[in-house]
PDB file of N, CA and C in Angstrom:
ATOM      1  N   MET A   1      50.096  17.050-162.936  1.00  0.00           N
ATOM      2  CA  MET A   1      50.735  16.703-161.681  1.00  0.00           C
ATOM      3  C   MET A   1      49.703  16.029-160.784  1.00  0.00           C
ATOM      4  N   THR A   2      50.043  14.874-160.270  1.00  0.00           N
ATOM      5  CA  THR A   2      49.153  14.109-159.410  1.00  0.00           C
ATOM      6  C   THR A   2      49.396  14.478-157.954  1.00  0.00           C
ATOM      7  N   GLU A   3      48.309  14.738-157.243  1.00  0.00           N
ATOM      8  CA  GLU A   3      48.426  15.028-155.819  1.00  0.00           C
ATOM      9  C   GLU A   3      48.450  13.725-155.043  1.00  0.00           C
ATOM     10  N   ARG A   4      49.260  13.706-154.018  1.00  0.00           N
ATOM     11  CA  ARG A   4      49.330  12.541-153.149  1.00  0.00           C
ATOM     12  C   ARG A   4      48.867  12.942-151.761  1.00  0.00           C
ATOM     13  N   PHE A   5      48.092  12.083-151.201  1.00  0.00           N
ATOM     14  CA  PHE A   5      47.577  12.340-149.869  1.00  0.00           C
ATOM     15  C   PHE A   5      48.003  11.212-148.938  1.00  0.00           C
ATOM     16  N   THR A   6      48.233  11.557-147.701  1.00  0.00           N
ATOM     17  CA  THR A   6      48.505  10.553-146.692  1.00  0.00           C
ATOM     18  C   THR A   6      47.305  10.486-145.770  1.00  0.00           C
ATOM     19  N   LYS A   7      47.123   9.347-145.159  1.00  0.00           N
ATOM     20  CA  LYS A   7      46.012   9.176-144.242  1.00  0.00           C
ATOM     21  C   LYS A   7      46.264  10.016-142.990  1.00  0.00           C
ATOM     22  N   TRP A   8      45.240  10.748-142.598  1.00  0.00           N
ATOM     23  CA  TRP A   8      45.338  11.562-141.388  1.00  0.00           C
ATOM     24  C   TRP A   8      45.077  10.663-140.188  1.00  0.00           C
ATOM     25  N   GLU A   9      45.983  10.637-139.247  1.00  0.00           N
ATOM     26  CA  GLU A   9      45.870   9.770-138.077  1.00  0.00           C
ATOM     27  C   GLU A   9      45.659  10.633-136.841  1.00  0.00           C
ATOM     28  N   VAL A  10      44.461  10.559-136.276  1.00  0.00           N
ATOM     29  CA  VAL A  10      44.095  11.400-135.135  1.00  0.00           C
ATOM     30  C   VAL A  10      44.999  11.149-133.936  1.00  0.00           C
ATOM     31  N   THR A  11      45.452   9.918-133.754  1.00  0.00           N
ATOM     32  CA  THR A  11      46.264   9.617-132.573  1.00  0.00           C
ATOM     33  C   THR A  11      47.556  10.427-132.516  1.00  0.00           C
ATOM     34  N   GLU A  12      48.019  10.892-133.655  1.00  0.00           N
ATOM     35  CA  GLU A  12      49.230  11.714-133.685  1.00  0.00           C
ATOM     36  C   GLU A  12      48.974  13.129-133.168  1.00  0.00           C
ATOM     37  N   HIS A  13      47.705  13.487-133.017  1.00  0.00           N
ATOM     38  CA  HIS A  13      47.347  14.841-132.610  1.00  0.00           C
ATOM     39  C   HIS A  13      46.756  14.900-131.204  1.00  0.00           C
ATOM     40  N   LEU A  14      46.640  13.773-130.554  1.00  0.00           N
ATOM     41  CA  LEU A  14      46.112  13.718-129.191  1.00  0.00           C
ATOM     42  C   LEU A  14      47.285  13.642-128.221  1.00  0.00           C
ATOM     43  N   ARG A  15      47.909  14.770-128.008  1.00  0.00           N
ATOM     44  CA  ARG A  15      49.144  14.800-127.218  1.00  0.00           C
ATOM     45  C   ARG A  15      48.915  15.091-125.739  1.00  0.00           C
ATOM     46  N   THR A  16      47.833  15.794-125.417  1.00  0.00           N
ATOM     47  CA  THR A  16      47.583  16.164-124.025  1.00  0.00           C
ATOM     48  C   THR A  16      46.195  15.692-123.601  1.00  0.00           C
ATOM     49  N   ARG A  17      45.963  15.700-122.302  1.00  0.00           N
ATOM     50  CA  ARG A  17      44.641  15.346-121.790  1.00  0.00           C
ATOM     51  C   ARG A  17      43.600  16.337-122.305  1.00  0.00           C
ATOM     52  N   GLU A  18      43.983  17.589-122.413  1.00  0.00           N
ATOM     53  CA  GLU A  18      43.049  18.594-122.942  1.00  0.00           C
ATOM     54  C   GLU A  18      42.676  18.279-124.393  1.00  0.00           C
ATOM     55  N   ASP A  19      43.659  17.894-125.203  1.00  0.00           N
ATOM     56  CA  ASP A  19      43.364  17.490-126.590  1.00  0.00           C
ATOM     57  C   ASP A  19      42.348  16.357-126.604  1.00  0.00           C
ATOM     58  N   ALA A  20      42.587  15.353-125.748  1.00  0.00           N
ATOM     59  CA  ALA A  20      41.706  14.193-125.694  1.00  0.00           C
ATOM     60  C   ALA A  20      40.306  14.588-125.235  1.00  0.00           C
ATOM     61  N   CYS A  21      40.215  15.447-124.236  1.00  0.00           N
ATOM     62  CA  CYS A  21      38.904  15.889-123.738  1.00  0.00           C
ATOM     63  C   CYS A  21      38.136  16.657-124.804  1.00  0.00           C
ATOM     64  N   LEU A  22      38.803  17.548-125.492  1.00  0.00           N
ATOM     65  CA  LEU A  22      38.133  18.326-126.540  1.00  0.00           C
ATOM     66  C   LEU A  22      37.679  17.430-127.681  1.00  0.00           C
ATOM     67  N   TYR A  23      38.497  16.463-128.034  1.00  0.00           N
ATOM     68  CA  TYR A  23      38.146  15.517-129.094  1.00  0.00           C
ATOM     69  C   TYR A  23      36.943  14.672-128.683  1.00  0.00           C
ATOM     70  N   LEU A  24      36.964  14.154-127.461  1.00  0.00           N
ATOM     71  CA  LEU A  24      35.854  13.338-126.971  1.00  0.00           C
ATOM     72  C   LEU A  24      34.572  14.167-126.892  1.00  0.00           C
ATOM     73  N   GLU A  25      34.683  15.401-126.444  1.00  0.00           N
ATOM     74  CA  GLU A  25      33.519  16.287-126.360  1.00  0.00           C
ATOM     75  C   GLU A  25      32.924  16.539-127.743  1.00  0.00           C
ATOM     76  N   ALA A  26      33.773  16.795-128.726  1.00  0.00           N
ATOM     77  CA  ALA A  26      33.292  17.032-130.096  1.00  0.00           C
ATOM     78  C   ALA A  26      32.614  15.786-130.653  1.00  0.00           C
ATOM     79  N   CYS A  27      33.191  14.615-130.398  1.00  0.00           N
ATOM     80  CA  CYS A  27      32.582  13.369-130.877  1.00  0.00           C
ATOM     81  C   CYS A  27      31.257  13.109-130.178  1.00  0.00           C
ATOM     82  N   ALA A  28      31.169  13.424-128.893  1.00  0.00           N
ATOM     83  CA  ALA A  28      29.914  13.231-128.165  1.00  0.00           C
ATOM     84  C   ALA A  28      28.821  14.127-128.734  1.00  0.00           C
ATOM     85  N   GLU A  29      29.187  15.353-129.106  1.00  0.00           N
ATOM     86  CA  GLU A  29      28.198  16.283-129.685  1.00  0.00           C
ATOM     87  C   GLU A  29      27.708  15.804-131.041  1.00  0.00           C
ATOM     88  N   GLU A  30      28.557  15.136-131.806  1.00  0.00           N
ATOM     89  CA  GLU A  30      28.199  14.692-133.148  1.00  0.00           C
ATOM     90  C   GLU A  30      27.708  13.246-133.197  1.00  0.00           C
ATOM     91  N   ASP A  31      27.743  12.553-132.062  1.00  0.00           N
ATOM     92  CA  ASP A  31      27.333  11.150-132.030  1.00  0.00           C
ATOM     93  C   ASP A  31      25.883  11.020-132.496  1.00  0.00           C
ATOM     94  N   PRO A  32      25.600  10.021-133.340  1.00  0.00           N
ATOM     95  CA  PRO A  32      24.243   9.864-133.870  1.00  0.00           C
ATOM     96  C   PRO A  32      23.236   9.311-132.868  1.00  0.00           C
ATOM     97  N   GLY A  33      23.659   9.071-131.645  1.00  0.00           N
ATOM     98  CA  GLY A  33      22.741   8.581-130.634  1.00  0.00           C
ATOM     99  C   GLY A  33      22.958   7.132-130.257  1.00  0.00           C
ATOM    100  N   ASP A  34      23.881   6.483-130.926  1.00  0.00           N
ATOM    101  CA  ASP A  34      24.146   5.077-130.615  1.00  0.00           C
ATOM    102  C   ASP A  34      25.482   4.877-129.888  1.00  0.00           C
ATOM    103  N   GLY A  35      26.173   5.957-129.606  1.00  0.00           N
ATOM    104  CA  GLY A  35      27.449   5.873-128.903  1.00  0.00           C
ATOM    105  C   GLY A  35      28.630   5.499-129.765  1.00  0.00           C
ATOM    106  N   SER A  36      28.409   5.339-131.071  1.00  0.00           N
ATOM    107  CA  SER A  36      29.491   4.866-131.946  1.00  0.00           C
ATOM    108  C   SER A  36      30.661   5.853-132.029  1.00  0.00           C
ATOM    109  N   LEU A  37      30.379   7.144-132.084  1.00  0.00           N
ATOM    110  CA  LEU A  37      31.478   8.119-132.150  1.00  0.00           C
ATOM    111  C   LEU A  37      32.193   8.245-130.813  1.00  0.00           C
ATOM    112  N   ILE A  38      31.456   8.112-129.733  1.00  0.00           N
ATOM    113  CA  ILE A  38      32.082   8.164-128.408  1.00  0.00           C
ATOM    114  C   ILE A  38      33.010   6.965-128.239  1.00  0.00           C
ATOM    115  N   ARG A  39      32.542   5.766-128.620  1.00  0.00           N
ATOM    116  CA  ARG A  39      33.367   4.572-128.542  1.00  0.00           C
ATOM    117  C   ARG A  39      34.604   4.708-129.417  1.00  0.00           C
ATOM    118  N   ALA A  40      34.417   5.228-130.632  1.00  0.00           N
ATOM    119  CA  ALA A  40      35.546   5.408-131.546  1.00  0.00           C
ATOM    120  C   ALA A  40      36.544   6.417-130.987  1.00  0.00           C
ATOM    121  N   ALA A  41      36.044   7.488-130.390  1.00  0.00           N
ATOM    122  CA  ALA A  41      36.937   8.497-129.805  1.00  0.00           C
ATOM    123  C   ALA A  41      37.724   7.898-128.647  1.00  0.00           C
ATOM    124  N   LEU A  42      37.057   7.121-127.788  1.00  0.00           N
ATOM    125  CA  LEU A  42      37.775   6.479-126.684  1.00  0.00           C
ATOM    126  C   LEU A  42      38.831   5.519-127.210  1.00  0.00           C
ATOM    127  N   ASN A  43      38.531   4.834-128.294  1.00  0.00           N
ATOM    128  CA  ASN A  43      39.503   3.945-128.929  1.00  0.00           C
ATOM    129  C   ASN A  43      40.714   4.752-129.418  1.00  0.00           C
ATOM    130  N   ASP A  44      40.457   5.859-130.092  1.00  0.00           N
ATOM    131  CA  ASP A  44      41.553   6.706-130.586  1.00  0.00           C
ATOM    132  C   ASP A  44      42.400   7.233-129.429  1.00  0.00           C
ATOM    133  N   ILE A  45      41.744   7.687-128.376  1.00  0.00           N
ATOM    134  CA  ILE A  45      42.459   8.234-127.213  1.00  0.00           C
ATOM    135  C   ILE A  45      43.294   7.138-126.556  1.00  0.00           C
ATOM    136  N   ALA A  46      42.722   5.950-126.428  1.00  0.00           N
ATOM    137  CA  ALA A  46      43.461   4.827-125.835  1.00  0.00           C
ATOM    138  C   ALA A  46      44.671   4.467-126.685  1.00  0.00           C
ATOM    139  N   ARG A  47      44.501   4.426-128.009  1.00  0.00           N
ATOM    140  CA  ARG A  47      45.620   4.092-128.900  1.00  0.00           C
ATOM    141  C   ARG A  47      46.699   5.170-128.884  1.00  0.00           C
ATOM    142  N   ALA A  48      46.303   6.421-128.633  1.00  0.00           N
ATOM    143  CA  ALA A  48      47.280   7.511-128.584  1.00  0.00           C
ATOM    144  C   ALA A  48      48.142   7.422-127.334  1.00  0.00           C
ATOM    145  N   GLY A  49      47.625   6.752-126.328  1.00  0.00           N
ATOM    146  CA  GLY A  49      48.368   6.602-125.081  1.00  0.00           C
ATOM    147  C   GLY A  49      48.941   5.210-124.949  1.00  0.00           C
ATOM    148  N   ASN A  50      48.880   4.694-123.747  1.00  0.00           N
ATOM    149  CA  ASN A  50      49.418   3.365-123.447  1.00  0.00           C
ATOM    150  C   ASN A  50      48.247   2.422-123.195  1.00  0.00           C
ATOM    151  N   MET A  51      47.875   1.643-124.200  1.00  0.00           N
ATOM    152  CA  MET A  51      46.718   0.753-124.123  1.00  0.00           C
ATOM    153  C   MET A  51      46.870  -0.266-122.996  1.00  0.00           C
ATOM    154  N   SER A  52      48.054  -0.794-122.797  1.00  0.00           N
ATOM    155  CA  SER A  52      48.267  -1.797-121.747  1.00  0.00           C
ATOM    156  C   SER A  52      48.041  -1.206-120.367  1.00  0.00           C
ATOM    157  N   ARG A  53      48.575  -0.033-120.130  1.00  0.00           N
ATOM    158  CA  ARG A  53      48.393   0.612-118.826  1.00  0.00           C
ATOM    159  C   ARG A  53      46.933   0.973-118.615  1.00  0.00           C
ATOM    160  N   LEU A  54      46.269   1.486-119.660  1.00  0.00           N
ATOM    161  CA  LEU A  54      44.860   1.831-119.546  1.00  0.00           C
ATOM    162  C   LEU A  54      44.034   0.593-119.220  1.00  0.00           C
ATOM    163  N   ALA A  55      44.294  -0.515-119.907  1.00  0.00           N
ATOM    164  CA  ALA A  55      43.566  -1.756-119.639  1.00  0.00           C
ATOM    165  C   ALA A  55      43.752  -2.173-118.186  1.00  0.00           C
ATOM    166  N   ARG A  56      44.975  -2.089-117.698  1.00  0.00           N
ATOM    167  CA  ARG A  56      45.255  -2.445-116.310  1.00  0.00           C
ATOM    168  C   ARG A  56      44.500  -1.524-115.356  1.00  0.00           C
ATOM    169  N   ASP A  57      44.499  -0.216-115.635  1.00  0.00           N
ATOM    170  CA  ASP A  57      43.805   0.750-114.788  1.00  0.00           C
ATOM    171  C   ASP A  57      42.291   0.549-114.800  1.00  0.00           C
ATOM    172  N   VAL A  58      41.770   0.091-115.935  1.00  0.00           N
ATOM    173  CA  VAL A  58      40.330  -0.144-116.072  1.00  0.00           C
ATOM    174  C   VAL A  58      39.934  -1.482-115.442  1.00  0.00           C
ATOM    175  N   GLY A  59      40.894  -2.391-115.319  1.00  0.00           N
ATOM    176  CA  GLY A  59      40.609  -3.708-114.763  1.00  0.00           C
ATOM    177  C   GLY A  59      40.189  -4.703-115.828  1.00  0.00           C
ATOM    178  N   MET A  60      40.720  -4.515-117.038  1.00  0.00           N
ATOM    179  CA  MET A  60      40.416  -5.403-118.159  1.00  0.00           C
ATOM    180  C   MET A  60      41.721  -5.905-118.746  1.00  0.00           C
ATOM    181  N   SER A  61      41.608  -6.942-119.551  1.00  0.00           N
ATOM    182  CA  SER A  61      42.776  -7.366-120.312  1.00  0.00           C
ATOM    183  C   SER A  61      42.948  -6.384-121.478  1.00  0.00           C
ATOM    184  N   ARG A  62      44.144  -6.340-121.999  1.00  0.00           N
ATOM    185  CA  ARG A  62      44.411  -5.478-123.154  1.00  0.00           C
ATOM    186  C   ARG A  62      43.534  -5.885-124.330  1.00  0.00           C
ATOM    187  N   GLU A  63      43.416  -7.177-124.540  1.00  0.00           N
ATOM    188  CA  GLU A  63      42.589  -7.689-125.636  1.00  0.00           C
ATOM    189  C   GLU A  63      41.117  -7.340-125.428  1.00  0.00           C
ATOM    190  N   GLY A  64      40.650  -7.440-124.169  1.00  0.00           N
ATOM    191  CA  GLY A  64      39.265  -7.097-123.854  1.00  0.00           C
ATOM    192  C   GLY A  64      38.965  -5.632-124.104  1.00  0.00           C
ATOM    193  N   LEU A  65      39.951  -4.771-123.786  1.00  0.00           N
ATOM    194  CA  LEU A  65      39.772  -3.343-124.024  1.00  0.00           C
ATOM    195  C   LEU A  65      39.741  -3.054-125.518  1.00  0.00           C
ATOM    196  N   TYR A  66      40.652  -3.677-126.266  1.00  0.00           N
ATOM    197  CA  TYR A  66      40.640  -3.527-127.721  1.00  0.00           C
ATOM    198  C   TYR A  66      39.286  -3.947-128.295  1.00  0.00           C
ATOM    199  N   LYS A  67      38.777  -5.094-127.827  1.00  0.00           N
ATOM    200  CA  LYS A  67      37.505  -5.602-128.337  1.00  0.00           C
ATOM    201  C   LYS A  67      36.357  -4.661-127.983  1.00  0.00           C
ATOM    202  N   ALA A  68      36.316  -4.179-126.748  1.00  0.00           N
ATOM    203  CA  ALA A  68      35.235  -3.289-126.315  1.00  0.00           C
ATOM    204  C   ALA A  68      35.208  -1.994-127.121  1.00  0.00           C
ATOM    205  N   LEU A  69      36.382  -1.495-127.497  1.00  0.00           N
ATOM    206  CA  LEU A  69      36.466  -0.218-128.205  1.00  0.00           C
ATOM    207  C   LEU A  69      36.571  -0.373-129.717  1.00  0.00           C
ATOM    208  N   SER A  70      36.532  -1.595-130.209  1.00  0.00           N
ATOM    209  CA  SER A  70      36.630  -1.818-131.653  1.00  0.00           C
ATOM    210  C   SER A  70      35.346  -1.379-132.349  1.00  0.00           C
ATOM    211  N   GLY A  71      35.378  -1.379-133.659  1.00  0.00           N
ATOM    212  CA  GLY A  71      34.213  -1.006-134.446  1.00  0.00           C
ATOM    213  C   GLY A  71      33.019  -1.900-134.197  1.00  0.00           C
ATOM    214  N   ASP A  72      33.271  -3.152-133.844  1.00  0.00           N
ATOM    215  CA  ASP A  72      32.197  -4.093-133.529  1.00  0.00           C
ATOM    216  C   ASP A  72      31.907  -4.157-132.039  1.00  0.00           C
ATOM    217  N   GLY A  73      32.674  -3.412-131.248  1.00  0.00           N
ATOM    218  CA  GLY A  73      32.520  -3.461-129.802  1.00  0.00           C
ATOM    219  C   GLY A  73      31.256  -2.764-129.333  1.00  0.00           C
ATOM    220  N   ASN A  74      30.832  -3.151-128.146  1.00  0.00           N
ATOM    221  CA  ASN A  74      29.656  -2.542-127.539  1.00  0.00           C
ATOM    222  C   ASN A  74      29.899  -2.481-126.034  1.00  0.00           C
ATOM    223  N   PRO A  75      30.778  -1.552-125.591  1.00  0.00           N
ATOM    224  CA  PRO A  75      31.119  -1.515-124.171  1.00  0.00           C
ATOM    225  C   PRO A  75      29.919  -1.123-123.324  1.00  0.00           C
ATOM    226  N   THR A  76      29.872  -1.666-122.124  1.00  0.00           N
ATOM    227  CA  THR A  76      28.817  -1.281-121.196  1.00  0.00           C
ATOM    228  C   THR A  76      29.071   0.142-120.718  1.00  0.00           C
ATOM    229  N   PHE A  77      28.034   0.743-120.163  1.00  0.00           N
ATOM    230  CA  PHE A  77      28.190   2.087-119.628  1.00  0.00           C
ATOM    231  C   PHE A  77      29.231   2.093-118.507  1.00  0.00           C
ATOM    232  N   ALA A  78      29.221   1.038-117.690  1.00  0.00           N
ATOM    233  CA  ALA A  78      30.198   0.930-116.607  1.00  0.00           C
ATOM    234  C   ALA A  78      31.622   0.920-117.158  1.00  0.00           C
ATOM    235  N   THR A  79      31.826   0.240-118.275  1.00  0.00           N
ATOM    236  CA  THR A  79      33.153   0.206-118.897  1.00  0.00           C
ATOM    237  C   THR A  79      33.546   1.587-119.389  1.00  0.00           C
ATOM    238  N   VAL A  80      32.622   2.294-120.010  1.00  0.00           N
ATOM    239  CA  VAL A  80      32.897   3.655-120.491  1.00  0.00           C
ATOM    240  C   VAL A  80      33.268   4.559-119.316  1.00  0.00           C
ATOM    241  N   VAL A  81      32.553   4.443-118.209  1.00  0.00           N
ATOM    242  CA  VAL A  81      32.852   5.251-117.025  1.00  0.00           C
ATOM    243  C   VAL A  81      34.241   4.913-116.501  1.00  0.00           C
ATOM    244  N   ARG A  82      34.569   3.624-116.401  1.00  0.00           N
ATOM    245  CA  ARG A  82      35.894   3.227-115.910  1.00  0.00           C
ATOM    246  C   ARG A  82      37.002   3.726-116.834  1.00  0.00           C
ATOM    247  N   ILE A  83      36.774   3.677-118.142  1.00  0.00           N
ATOM    248  CA  ILE A  83      37.778   4.156-119.100  1.00  0.00           C
ATOM    249  C   ILE A  83      37.987   5.652-118.947  1.00  0.00           C
ATOM    250  N   THR A  84      36.897   6.415-118.898  1.00  0.00           N
ATOM    251  CA  THR A  84      37.046   7.868-118.786  1.00  0.00           C
ATOM    252  C   THR A  84      37.742   8.242-117.484  1.00  0.00           C
ATOM    253  N   ARG A  85      37.410   7.558-116.405  1.00  0.00           N
ATOM    254  CA  ARG A  85      38.080   7.841-115.119  1.00  0.00           C
ATOM    255  C   ARG A  85      39.559   7.493-115.187  1.00  0.00           C
ATOM    256  N   ALA A  86      39.888   6.357-115.796  1.00  0.00           N
ATOM    257  CA  ALA A  86      41.287   5.950-115.914  1.00  0.00           C
ATOM    258  C   ALA A  86      42.081   6.927-116.778  1.00  0.00           C
ATOM    259  N   LEU A  87      41.391   7.590-117.699  1.00  0.00           N
ATOM    260  CA  LEU A  87      42.042   8.601-118.535  1.00  0.00           C
ATOM    261  C   LEU A  87      42.142   9.951-117.836  1.00  0.00           C
ATOM    262  N   GLY A  88      41.608  10.035-116.618  1.00  0.00           N
ATOM    263  CA  GLY A  88      41.655  11.286-115.855  1.00  0.00           C
ATOM    264  C   GLY A  88      40.576  12.267-116.293  1.00  0.00           C
ATOM    265  N   MET A  89      39.484  11.739-116.834  1.00  0.00           N
ATOM    266  CA  MET A  89      38.375  12.574-117.299  1.00  0.00           C
ATOM    267  C   MET A  89      37.139  12.317-116.449  1.00  0.00           C
ATOM    268  N   GLN A  90      36.158  13.190-116.565  1.00  0.00           N
ATOM    269  CA  GLN A  90      34.897  13.040-115.870  1.00  0.00           C
ATOM    270  C   GLN A  90      33.764  13.155-116.870  1.00  0.00           C
ATOM    271  N   LEU A  91      32.729  12.352-116.649  1.00  0.00           N
ATOM    272  CA  LEU A  91      31.514  12.504-117.448  1.00  0.00           C
ATOM    273  C   LEU A  91      30.672  13.593-116.796  1.00  0.00           C
ATOM    274  N   ARG A  92      30.132  14.471-117.595  1.00  0.00           N
ATOM    275  CA  ARG A  92      29.255  15.531-117.088  1.00  0.00           C
ATOM    276  C   ARG A  92      28.023  15.602-117.944  1.00  0.00           C
ATOM    277  N   PHE A  93      26.926  15.892-117.308  1.00  0.00           N
ATOM    278  CA  PHE A  93      25.670  16.054-118.024  1.00  0.00           C
ATOM    279  C   PHE A  93      25.148  17.443-117.732  1.00  0.00           C
ATOM    280  N   THR A  94      24.756  18.151-118.760  1.00  0.00           N
ATOM    281  CA  THR A  94      24.237  19.497-118.583  1.00  0.00           C
ATOM    282  C   THR A  94      22.902  19.627-119.303  1.00  0.00           C
ATOM    283  N   ALA A  95      22.123  20.572-118.831  1.00  0.00           N
ATOM    284  CA  ALA A  95      20.833  20.836-119.473  1.00  0.00           C
ATOM    285  C   ALA A  95      20.936  22.132-120.271  1.00  0.00           C
TER     286      ALA A  95
END
């Protein structure tokens, strides 16, 4: 008997702001230091919601937001801050 697997899609599991915050926090903890997991998590969170509204709230075009959060994207820190704020989240630093 052959097992069949379906691709697991994280966006289907990011239903609440708390889900998104916990996911982003976990990705930040595991990020290798280049921001790639944080960028990917923000991309997933944006795709789980309304990308057009988020782009408008951030002050970017939808295409610009897609590009910034893509695998080849390299968003500025200011963009990351604007995205997190538009998502109703806060950046925190602890020692």
